[in-house]
Amino acid sequence: MKNFNAIRKGILSLVVLGLIFTSCSESEDISEPTNQVEDTLEVQRSAEIDQVDNILGDLVIDAYEGQEVSEEGRGTYAGDIPECVTITVVAQQGYRQVTLDFGTDGCLVNGHILKGQIIFDYTRDPEAQQIFINYNLVDFYFDNKNVIGSRSILKELSNENGNPQFTHNLDITVIWPNGVQASREGTRIREWVVGFGSGIFSDNVFEITGNWTATFVNGNTHTYEVLVPLRREVICAYFVSGSFDVQRTNFGGVFDYGEGDCDNQATFTFNNGQEIDITLN
């Protein structure tokens, strides 16, 4: 009888251990995809901030160039700012303040609905090789995402390649309608590689380099560094090529915009080599 009881206890112990092992295995199988989905979602949200950065940069540069062309009498300028945007200029000796007002109902800009105002100012000096442009966002919304920030742009008339260049100091917070929010700080350098001086904004192409940090409201922090310059053709709502490195604790990889097609498709390759497709909003 003692032997029988010992055997029965041994069998029960094995069953319990088997259940525990199975439970742990199933838990690991479930948690790993869930973490990957959350990581991928954060990377995608960061790509949405890229869209905000791109459009904001386009609008400020477009409005600035249009203002300067008209003041210097360098011919006509075909900007890309739609008529639904109200542009107001305050001109003083050596100083300009420009307000872009998208209204409270919204204005369609390059496929996105914008609301609120962008206000920028600069000290005007046609002979200066460098110009600082400062801008603020007032009650600004980008496709129902609230965007808060104030930033500065250093315009250099000619960089080492002989091209105009804009260095953006990033300080921006984006709040999604569901309450998720992320802040971005860092530096983006826009080199104007095609279209400068043509008087037509829509033919412009920029190549973007730099590094920045995104901090999400849940405490997760991502660092980004451009590996291959991000090609920004202003006729396209998305980057057409280029890649950047993304790193976070226990997570990282390379985000790649492709080889030149104007589409909303990208890929993300985790550090372990796994590649997933990303569809941009």
C-alpha atoms as a PDB file:
ATOM      1  CA  MET A   1       0.000   0.000   0.000  1.00  0.00           C
ATOM      2  CA  LYS A   2       2.851   2.364   0.840  1.00  0.00           C
ATOM      3  CA  ASN A   3       4.381   1.652  -2.569  1.00  0.00           C
ATOM      4  CA  PHE A   4       1.055   2.326  -4.264  1.00  0.00           C
ATOM      5  CA  ASN A   5       0.640   5.665  -2.454  1.00  0.00           C
ATOM      6  CA  ALA A   6       4.180   6.672  -3.361  1.00  0.00           C
ATOM      7  CA  ILE A   7       3.563   5.856  -7.011  1.00  0.00           C
ATOM      8  CA  ARG A   8       0.281   7.780  -7.003  1.00  0.00           C
ATOM      9  CA  LYS A   9       1.959  10.857  -5.472  1.00  0.00           C
ATOM     10  CA  GLY A  10       4.697  10.640  -8.080  1.00  0.00           C
ATOM     11  CA  ILE A  11       2.183  10.537 -10.920  1.00  0.00           C
ATOM     12  CA  LEU A  12       0.264  13.512  -9.475  1.00  0.00           C
ATOM     13  CA  SER A  13       3.507  15.481  -9.175  1.00  0.00           C
ATOM     14  CA  LEU A  14       4.330  14.829 -12.831  1.00  0.00           C
ATOM     15  CA  VAL A  15       0.835  15.922 -13.899  1.00  0.00           C
ATOM     16  CA  VAL A  16       1.107  19.155 -11.903  1.00  0.00           C
ATOM     17  CA  LEU A  17       4.556  19.881 -13.332  1.00  0.00           C
ATOM     18  CA  GLY A  18       3.240  19.203 -16.830  1.00  0.00           C
ATOM     19  CA  LEU A  19       0.348  21.614 -16.333  1.00  0.00           C
ATOM     20  CA  ILE A  20       2.685  24.288 -14.987  1.00  0.00           C
ATOM     21  CA  PHE A  21       5.063  23.845 -17.926  1.00  0.00           C
ATOM     22  CA  THR A  22       2.193  23.948 -20.431  1.00  0.00           C
ATOM     23  CA  SER A  23       0.764  27.068 -18.767  1.00  0.00           C
ATOM     24  CA  CYS A  24       4.143  28.823 -18.886  1.00  0.00           C
ATOM     25  CA  SER A  25       4.659  27.853 -22.518  1.00  0.00           C
ATOM     26  CA  GLU A  26       1.231  29.124 -23.520  1.00  0.00           C
ATOM     27  CA  SER A  27       1.853  32.346 -21.574  1.00  0.00           C
ATOM     28  CA  GLU A  28       5.139  32.897 -23.406  1.00  0.00           C
ATOM     29  CA  ASP A  29       3.497  32.169 -26.776  1.00  0.00           C
ATOM     30  CA  ILE A  30       0.812  34.750 -26.043  1.00  0.00           C
ATOM     31  CA  SER A  31       3.014  37.477 -24.529  1.00  0.00           C
ATOM     32  CA  GLU A  32       5.646  37.520 -27.239  1.00  0.00           C
ATOM     33  CA  PRO A  33       3.275  38.399 -30.143  1.00  0.00           C
ATOM     34  CA  THR A  34       1.481  40.902 -27.891  1.00  0.00           C
ATOM     35  CA  ASN A  35       4.751  42.694 -27.085  1.00  0.00           C
ATOM     36  CA  GLN A  36       5.695  42.680 -30.770  1.00  0.00           C
ATOM     37  CA  VAL A  37       2.346  44.224 -31.717  1.00  0.00           C
ATOM     38  CA  GLU A  38       2.832  46.963 -29.110  1.00  0.00           C
ATOM     39  CA  ASP A  39       6.402  47.622 -30.271  1.00  0.00           C
ATOM     40  CA  THR A  40       5.311  47.769 -33.918  1.00  0.00           C
ATOM     41  CA  LEU A  41       2.432  50.105 -33.058  1.00  0.00           C
ATOM     42  CA  GLU A  42       4.820  52.528 -31.370  1.00  0.00           C
ATOM     43  CA  VAL A  43       7.100  52.485 -34.417  1.00  0.00           C
ATOM     44  CA  GLN A  44       4.084  53.165 -36.639  1.00  0.00           C
ATOM     45  CA  ARG A  45       2.986  56.047 -34.432  1.00  0.00           C
ATOM     46  CA  SER A  46       6.475  57.485 -34.687  1.00  0.00           C
ATOM     47  CA  ALA A  47       6.142  57.285 -38.475  1.00  0.00           C
ATOM     48  CA  GLU A  48       2.929  59.300 -38.133  1.00  0.00           C
ATOM     49  CA  ILE A  49       4.932  61.971 -36.310  1.00  0.00           C
ATOM     50  CA  ASP A  50       7.234  61.938 -39.354  1.00  0.00           C
ATOM     51  CA  GLN A  51       4.216  62.908 -41.458  1.00  0.00           C
ATOM     52  CA  VAL A  52       3.509  65.814 -39.111  1.00  0.00           C
ATOM     53  CA  ASP A  53       7.173  66.888 -39.242  1.00  0.00           C
ATOM     54  CA  ASN A  54       7.204  66.739 -43.036  1.00  0.00           C
ATOM     55  CA  ILE A  55       4.069  68.799 -43.573  1.00  0.00           C
ATOM     56  CA  LEU A  56       5.030  71.397 -40.955  1.00  0.00           C
ATOM     57  CA  GLY A  57       8.476  71.769 -42.503  1.00  0.00           C
ATOM     58  CA  ASP A  58       7.011  72.032 -46.005  1.00  0.00           C
ATOM     59  CA  LEU A  59       4.515  74.715 -45.002  1.00  0.00           C
ATOM     60  CA  VAL A  60       6.987  76.926 -43.141  1.00  0.00           C
ATOM     61  CA  ILE A  61       9.630  76.682 -45.878  1.00  0.00           C
ATOM     62  CA  ASP A  62       7.052  77.214 -48.638  1.00  0.00           C
ATOM     63  CA  ALA A  63       5.565  80.289 -46.939  1.00  0.00           C
ATOM     64  CA  TYR A  64       9.018  81.697 -46.121  1.00  0.00           C
ATOM     65  CA  GLU A  65      10.296  81.266 -49.686  1.00  0.00           C
ATOM     66  CA  GLY A  66       7.116  82.758 -51.128  1.00  0.00           C
ATOM     67  CA  GLN A  67       7.410  85.790 -48.881  1.00  0.00           C
ATOM     68  CA  GLU A  68      11.064  86.349 -49.753  1.00  0.00           C
ATOM     69  CA  VAL A  69      10.545  85.937 -53.499  1.00  0.00           C
ATOM     70  CA  SER A  70       7.742  88.511 -53.479  1.00  0.00           C
ATOM     71  CA  GLU A  71       9.759  91.005 -51.404  1.00  0.00           C
ATOM     72  CA  GLU A  72      12.906  90.684 -53.479  1.00  0.00           C
ATOM     73  CA  GLY A  73      11.011  90.857 -56.775  1.00  0.00           C
ATOM     74  CA  ARG A  74      12.613  87.643 -58.072  1.00  0.00           C
ATOM     75  CA  GLY A  75       9.670  86.896 -60.363  1.00  0.00           C
ATOM     76  CA  THR A  76       6.629  84.771 -59.636  1.00  0.00           C
ATOM     77  CA  TYR A  77       6.403  81.992 -57.074  1.00  0.00           C
ATOM     78  CA  ALA A  78       4.058  79.020 -57.417  1.00  0.00           C
ATOM     79  CA  GLY A  79       3.688  77.798 -53.869  1.00  0.00           C
ATOM     80  CA  ASP A  80       1.924  74.667 -52.742  1.00  0.00           C
ATOM     81  CA  ILE A  81      -0.162  76.189 -49.933  1.00  0.00           C
ATOM     82  CA  PRO A  82      -3.870  75.753 -50.760  1.00  0.00           C
ATOM     83  CA  GLU A  83      -6.275  78.686 -50.981  1.00  0.00           C
ATOM     84  CA  CYS A  84      -8.138  77.543 -47.863  1.00  0.00           C
ATOM     85  CA  VAL A  85      -5.165  78.760 -45.807  1.00  0.00           C
ATOM     86  CA  THR A  86      -5.314  82.426 -44.788  1.00  0.00           C
ATOM     87  CA  ILE A  87      -1.840  84.011 -44.800  1.00  0.00           C
ATOM     88  CA  THR A  88      -1.231  87.188 -42.803  1.00  0.00           C
ATOM     89  CA  VAL A  89       2.085  89.057 -42.790  1.00  0.00           C
ATOM     90  CA  VAL A  90       3.206  91.641 -40.230  1.00  0.00           C
ATOM     91  CA  ALA A  91       6.125  93.580 -41.715  1.00  0.00           C
ATOM     92  CA  GLN A  92       8.418  95.825 -39.699  1.00  0.00           C
ATOM     93  CA  GLN A  93      11.918  97.112 -40.350  1.00  0.00           C
ATOM     94  CA  GLY A  94      14.087  94.011 -40.630  1.00  0.00           C
ATOM     95  CA  TYR A  95      11.394  91.761 -39.121  1.00  0.00           C
ATOM     96  CA  ARG A  96       8.597  89.577 -40.482  1.00  0.00           C
ATOM     97  CA  GLN A  97       5.861  87.601 -38.749  1.00  0.00           C
ATOM     98  CA  VAL A  98       3.775  85.251 -40.874  1.00  0.00           C
ATOM     99  CA  THR A  99       0.594  83.514 -39.751  1.00  0.00           C
ATOM    100  CA  LEU A 100      -0.823  80.505 -41.584  1.00  0.00           C
ATOM    101  CA  ASP A 101      -4.440  80.062 -40.476  1.00  0.00           C
ATOM    102  CA  PHE A 102      -6.158  76.780 -41.375  1.00  0.00           C
ATOM    103  CA  GLY A 103      -9.413  77.694 -39.646  1.00  0.00           C
ATOM    104  CA  THR A 104     -11.442  75.760 -37.115  1.00  0.00           C
ATOM    105  CA  ASP A 105     -13.242  73.623 -39.700  1.00  0.00           C
ATOM    106  CA  GLY A 106      -9.989  72.427 -41.239  1.00  0.00           C
ATOM    107  CA  CYS A 107      -8.162  72.723 -44.516  1.00  0.00           C
ATOM    108  CA  LEU A 108      -7.001  69.857 -46.773  1.00  0.00           C
ATOM    109  CA  VAL A 109      -3.218  69.977 -47.222  1.00  0.00           C
ATOM    110  CA  ASN A 110      -1.454  67.212 -49.128  1.00  0.00           C
ATOM    111  CA  GLY A 111      -4.094  64.669 -48.155  1.00  0.00           C
ATOM    112  CA  HIS A 112      -4.297  65.718 -44.473  1.00  0.00           C
ATOM    113  CA  ILE A 113      -6.847  67.858 -42.618  1.00  0.00           C
ATOM    114  CA  LEU A 114      -5.141  70.680 -40.693  1.00  0.00           C
ATOM    115  CA  LYS A 115      -6.751  73.039 -38.168  1.00  0.00           C
ATOM    116  CA  GLY A 116      -5.413  75.937 -36.143  1.00  0.00           C
ATOM    117  CA  GLN A 117      -2.453  78.205 -36.839  1.00  0.00           C
ATOM    118  CA  ILE A 118       1.260  78.143 -37.565  1.00  0.00           C
ATOM    119  CA  ILE A 119       2.952  81.425 -36.649  1.00  0.00           C
ATOM    120  CA  PHE A 120       6.578  82.011 -37.602  1.00  0.00           C
ATOM    121  CA  ASP A 121       8.891  85.002 -37.509  1.00  0.00           C
ATOM    122  CA  TYR A 122      12.411  85.883 -38.601  1.00  0.00           C
ATOM    123  CA  THR A 123      14.814  88.771 -38.866  1.00  0.00           C
ATOM    124  CA  ARG A 124      15.005  89.706 -42.514  1.00  0.00           C
ATOM    125  CA  ASP A 125      18.452  90.250 -44.029  1.00  0.00           C
ATOM    126  CA  PRO A 126      18.799  89.456 -47.770  1.00  0.00           C
ATOM    127  CA  GLU A 127      22.606  89.425 -47.438  1.00  0.00           C
ATOM    128  CA  ALA A 128      22.784  86.996 -44.503  1.00  0.00           C
ATOM    129  CA  GLN A 129      24.122  83.511 -45.154  1.00  0.00           C
ATOM    130  CA  GLN A 130      22.135  82.148 -42.214  1.00  0.00           C
ATOM    131  CA  ILE A 131      18.591  82.952 -41.105  1.00  0.00           C
ATOM    132  CA  PHE A 132      16.804  81.759 -37.952  1.00  0.00           C
ATOM    133  CA  ILE A 133      13.092  81.027 -38.375  1.00  0.00           C
ATOM    134  CA  ASN A 134      11.075  80.425 -35.202  1.00  0.00           C
ATOM    135  CA  TYR A 135       7.553  79.064 -35.244  1.00  0.00           C
ATOM    136  CA  ASN A 136       4.782  78.157 -32.828  1.00  0.00           C
ATOM    137  CA  LEU A 137       1.654  76.040 -33.165  1.00  0.00           C
ATOM    138  CA  VAL A 138      -1.623  77.497 -31.895  1.00  0.00           C
ATOM    139  CA  ASP A 139      -4.591  75.152 -31.306  1.00  0.00           C
ATOM    140  CA  PHE A 140      -3.133  73.007 -34.060  1.00  0.00           C
ATOM    141  CA  TYR A 141      -4.590  69.686 -35.210  1.00  0.00           C
ATOM    142  CA  PHE A 142      -3.303  67.266 -37.830  1.00  0.00           C
ATOM    143  CA  ASP A 143      -5.920  64.656 -38.841  1.00  0.00           C
ATOM    144  CA  ASN A 144      -7.563  64.959 -35.393  1.00  0.00           C
ATOM    145  CA  LYS A 145      -4.208  64.605 -33.628  1.00  0.00           C
ATOM    146  CA  ASN A 146      -3.450  67.554 -31.379  1.00  0.00           C
ATOM    147  CA  VAL A 147       0.061  68.852 -32.081  1.00  0.00           C
ATOM    148  CA  ILE A 148       1.821  71.055 -29.527  1.00  0.00           C
ATOM    149  CA  GLY A 149       5.197  72.627 -30.063  1.00  0.00           C
ATOM    150  CA  SER A 150       7.528  75.501 -30.745  1.00  0.00           C
ATOM    151  CA  ARG A 151      10.568  75.034 -32.927  1.00  0.00           C
ATOM    152  CA  SER A 152      13.450  76.799 -34.604  1.00  0.00           C
ATOM    153  CA  ILE A 153      14.893  76.360 -38.074  1.00  0.00           C
ATOM    154  CA  LEU A 154      18.332  77.488 -39.164  1.00  0.00           C
ATOM    155  CA  LYS A 155      18.408  78.195 -42.899  1.00  0.00           C
ATOM    156  CA  GLU A 156      21.835  78.139 -44.532  1.00  0.00           C
ATOM    157  CA  LEU A 157      21.959  79.557 -48.053  1.00  0.00           C
ATOM    158  CA  SER A 158      24.652  77.080 -49.072  1.00  0.00           C
ATOM    159  CA  ASN A 159      26.019  73.985 -47.344  1.00  0.00           C
ATOM    160  CA  GLU A 160      29.218  72.087 -48.208  1.00  0.00           C
ATOM    161  CA  ASN A 161      27.443  70.620 -51.253  1.00  0.00           C
ATOM    162  CA  GLY A 162      26.383  74.056 -52.468  1.00  0.00           C
ATOM    163  CA  ASN A 163      22.735  73.421 -51.582  1.00  0.00           C
ATOM    164  CA  PRO A 164      20.394  75.325 -49.262  1.00  0.00           C
ATOM    165  CA  GLN A 165      19.943  73.541 -45.959  1.00  0.00           C
ATOM    166  CA  PHE A 166      17.456  73.751 -43.077  1.00  0.00           C
ATOM    167  CA  THR A 167      18.373  72.469 -39.615  1.00  0.00           C
ATOM    168  CA  HIS A 168      15.243  71.819 -37.549  1.00  0.00           C
ATOM    169  CA  ASN A 169      15.475  71.708 -33.762  1.00  0.00           C
ATOM    170  CA  LEU A 170      12.660  69.354 -32.801  1.00  0.00           C
ATOM    171  CA  ASP A 171      10.408  69.899 -29.804  1.00  0.00           C
ATOM    172  CA  ILE A 172       6.934  68.572 -30.453  1.00  0.00           C
ATOM    173  CA  THR A 173       4.185  66.598 -28.719  1.00  0.00           C
ATOM    174  CA  VAL A 174       1.471  64.679 -30.555  1.00  0.00           C
ATOM    175  CA  ILE A 175      -1.722  63.557 -28.798  1.00  0.00           C
ATOM    176  CA  TRP A 176      -3.899  60.985 -30.555  1.00  0.00           C
ATOM    177  CA  PRO A 177      -7.718  61.064 -30.172  1.00  0.00           C
ATOM    178  CA  ASN A 178      -7.598  57.993 -27.893  1.00  0.00           C
ATOM    179  CA  GLY A 179      -5.300  59.804 -25.431  1.00  0.00           C
ATOM    180  CA  VAL A 180      -2.009  58.192 -26.496  1.00  0.00           C
ATOM    181  CA  GLN A 181       0.726  60.782 -26.747  1.00  0.00           C
ATOM    182  CA  ALA A 182       4.384  60.996 -27.670  1.00  0.00           C
ATOM    183  CA  SER A 183       6.994  63.758 -27.551  1.00  0.00           C
ATOM    184  CA  ARG A 184       9.916  64.145 -29.909  1.00  0.00           C
ATOM    185  CA  GLU A 185      13.185  66.013 -29.413  1.00  0.00           C
ATOM    186  CA  GLY A 186      16.292  66.115 -31.542  1.00  0.00           C
ATOM    187  CA  THR A 187      17.656  67.469 -34.809  1.00  0.00           C
ATOM    188  CA  ARG A 188      16.618  67.034 -38.421  1.00  0.00           C
ATOM    189  CA  ILE A 189      18.687  68.403 -41.290  1.00  0.00           C
ATOM    190  CA  ARG A 190      16.893  69.057 -44.598  1.00  0.00           C
ATOM    191  CA  GLU A 191      19.166  69.464 -47.597  1.00  0.00           C
ATOM    192  CA  TRP A 192      17.390  70.995 -50.614  1.00  0.00           C
ATOM    193  CA  VAL A 193      18.735  68.781 -53.407  1.00  0.00           C
ATOM    194  CA  VAL A 194      16.295  69.480 -56.280  1.00  0.00           C
ATOM    195  CA  GLY A 195      14.160  72.461 -57.314  1.00  0.00           C
ATOM    196  CA  PHE A 196      15.777  75.378 -55.515  1.00  0.00           C
ATOM    197  CA  GLY A 197      15.293  78.662 -57.403  1.00  0.00           C
ATOM    198  CA  SER A 198      12.724  77.274 -59.853  1.00  0.00           C
ATOM    199  CA  GLY A 199       9.910  79.325 -58.325  1.00  0.00           C
ATOM    200  CA  ILE A 200       7.783  76.161 -58.093  1.00  0.00           C
ATOM    201  CA  PHE A 201       7.513  74.457 -54.727  1.00  0.00           C
ATOM    202  CA  SER A 202       5.967  71.222 -56.014  1.00  0.00           C
ATOM    203  CA  ASP A 203       9.149  70.188 -57.857  1.00  0.00           C
ATOM    204  CA  ASN A 204      11.276  70.314 -54.711  1.00  0.00           C
ATOM    205  CA  VAL A 205      13.137  67.363 -53.246  1.00  0.00           C
ATOM    206  CA  PHE A 206      14.800  67.268 -49.819  1.00  0.00           C
ATOM    207  CA  GLU A 207      17.096  64.692 -48.257  1.00  0.00           C
ATOM    208  CA  ILE A 208      16.801  64.413 -44.492  1.00  0.00           C
ATOM    209  CA  THR A 209      19.363  63.227 -41.950  1.00  0.00           C
ATOM    210  CA  GLY A 210      19.642  63.557 -38.184  1.00  0.00           C
ATOM    211  CA  ASN A 211      18.798  61.867 -34.913  1.00  0.00           C
ATOM    212  CA  TRP A 212      16.023  62.263 -32.368  1.00  0.00           C
ATOM    213  CA  THR A 213      14.246  60.699 -29.407  1.00  0.00           C
ATOM    214  CA  ALA A 214      10.559  59.855 -29.023  1.00  0.00           C
ATOM    215  CA  THR A 215       9.090  59.416 -25.553  1.00  0.00           C
ATOM    216  CA  PHE A 216       5.658  57.839 -25.182  1.00  0.00           C
ATOM    217  CA  VAL A 217       3.234  58.538 -22.344  1.00  0.00           C
ATOM    218  CA  ASN A 218       3.729  54.973 -21.044  1.00  0.00           C
ATOM    219  CA  GLY A 219       7.386  55.782 -20.399  1.00  0.00           C
ATOM    220  CA  ASN A 220       8.849  53.964 -23.409  1.00  0.00           C
ATOM    221  CA  THR A 221      11.646  55.900 -25.092  1.00  0.00           C
ATOM    222  CA  HIS A 222      12.898  55.260 -28.626  1.00  0.00           C
ATOM    223  CA  THR A 223      16.084  56.660 -30.160  1.00  0.00           C
ATOM    224  CA  TYR A 224      16.337  57.182 -33.903  1.00  0.00           C
ATOM    225  CA  GLU A 225      19.278  57.761 -36.213  1.00  0.00           C
ATOM    226  CA  VAL A 226      19.055  58.105 -39.980  1.00  0.00           C
ATOM    227  CA  LEU A 227      21.125  55.469 -41.788  1.00  0.00           C
ATOM    228  CA  VAL A 228      20.260  56.281 -45.408  1.00  0.00           C
ATOM    229  CA  PRO A 229      19.008  59.853 -46.087  1.00  0.00           C
ATOM    230  CA  LEU A 230      15.209  60.060 -46.112  1.00  0.00           C
ATOM    231  CA  ARG A 231      14.120  61.350 -49.519  1.00  0.00           C
ATOM    232  CA  ARG A 232      11.258  63.825 -49.302  1.00  0.00           C
ATOM    233  CA  GLU A 233       9.621  64.624 -52.661  1.00  0.00           C
ATOM    234  CA  VAL A 234       6.987  67.209 -51.782  1.00  0.00           C
ATOM    235  CA  ILE A 235       4.536  65.905 -54.393  1.00  0.00           C
ATOM    236  CA  CYS A 236       4.346  62.703 -52.307  1.00  0.00           C
ATOM    237  CA  ALA A 237       2.758  62.484 -48.856  1.00  0.00           C
ATOM    238  CA  TYR A 238       5.373  59.954 -47.706  1.00  0.00           C
ATOM    239  CA  PHE A 239       9.120  59.491 -47.780  1.00  0.00           C
ATOM    240  CA  VAL A 240       9.930  57.603 -50.984  1.00  0.00           C
ATOM    241  CA  SER A 241      13.169  56.037 -49.753  1.00  0.00           C
ATOM    242  CA  GLY A 242      15.695  55.971 -46.919  1.00  0.00           C
ATOM    243  CA  SER A 243      15.989  54.208 -43.589  1.00  0.00           C
ATOM    244  CA  PHE A 244      16.680  54.851 -39.923  1.00  0.00           C
ATOM    245  CA  ASP A 245      17.748  52.822 -36.922  1.00  0.00           C
ATOM    246  CA  VAL A 246      15.347  52.461 -33.984  1.00  0.00           C
ATOM    247  CA  GLN A 247      16.482  51.360 -30.522  1.00  0.00           C
ATOM    248  CA  ARG A 248      14.669  50.816 -27.245  1.00  0.00           C
ATOM    249  CA  THR A 249      15.399  48.620 -24.218  1.00  0.00           C
ATOM    250  CA  ASN A 250      14.939  44.974 -25.316  1.00  0.00           C
ATOM    251  CA  PHE A 251      13.745  46.102 -28.738  1.00  0.00           C
ATOM    252  CA  GLY A 252      15.187  47.599 -31.896  1.00  0.00           C
ATOM    253  CA  GLY A 253      15.554  47.365 -35.649  1.00  0.00           C
ATOM    254  CA  VAL A 254      15.612  49.248 -38.944  1.00  0.00           C
ATOM    255  CA  PHE A 255      12.666  51.125 -40.467  1.00  0.00           C
ATOM    256  CA  ASP A 256      12.919  51.272 -44.278  1.00  0.00           C
ATOM    257  CA  TYR A 257      10.783  53.385 -46.634  1.00  0.00           C
ATOM    258  CA  GLY A 258      11.731  51.442 -49.760  1.00  0.00           C
ATOM    259  CA  GLU A 259      13.517  52.180 -53.005  1.00  0.00           C
ATOM    260  CA  GLY A 260      11.748  55.223 -54.449  1.00  0.00           C
ATOM    261  CA  ASP A 261       8.028  54.489 -54.908  1.00  0.00           C
ATOM    262  CA  CYS A 262       5.479  57.024 -53.685  1.00  0.00           C
ATOM    263  CA  ASP A 263       3.308  54.799 -51.512  1.00  0.00           C
ATOM    264  CA  ASN A 264       2.307  54.246 -47.901  1.00  0.00           C
ATOM    265  CA  GLN A 265       4.260  51.010 -47.546  1.00  0.00           C
ATOM    266  CA  ALA A 266       7.373  50.507 -45.435  1.00  0.00           C
ATOM    267  CA  THR A 267       9.107  47.663 -43.616  1.00  0.00           C
ATOM    268  CA  PHE A 268      10.542  47.179 -40.163  1.00  0.00           C
ATOM    269  CA  THR A 269      13.272  44.609 -39.548  1.00  0.00           C
ATOM    270  CA  PHE A 270      13.761  43.593 -35.919  1.00  0.00           C
ATOM    271  CA  ASN A 271      17.258  43.039 -34.570  1.00  0.00           C
ATOM    272  CA  ASN A 272      16.634  39.286 -34.740  1.00  0.00           C
ATOM    273  CA  GLY A 273      16.130  39.524 -38.520  1.00  0.00           C
ATOM    274  CA  GLN A 274      12.336  39.226 -38.568  1.00  0.00           C
ATOM    275  CA  GLU A 275      10.780  41.621 -41.108  1.00  0.00           C
ATOM    276  CA  ILE A 276       7.216  42.941 -41.003  1.00  0.00           C
ATOM    277  CA  ASP A 277       5.253  45.220 -43.335  1.00  0.00           C
ATOM    278  CA  ILE A 278       4.124  48.637 -42.136  1.00  0.00           C
ATOM    279  CA  THR A 279       1.195  50.544 -43.656  1.00  0.00           C
ATOM    280  CA  LEU A 280       1.428  54.271 -42.997  1.00  0.00           C
ATOM    281  CA  ASN A 281      -1.665  56.383 -42.251  1.00  0.00           C
END
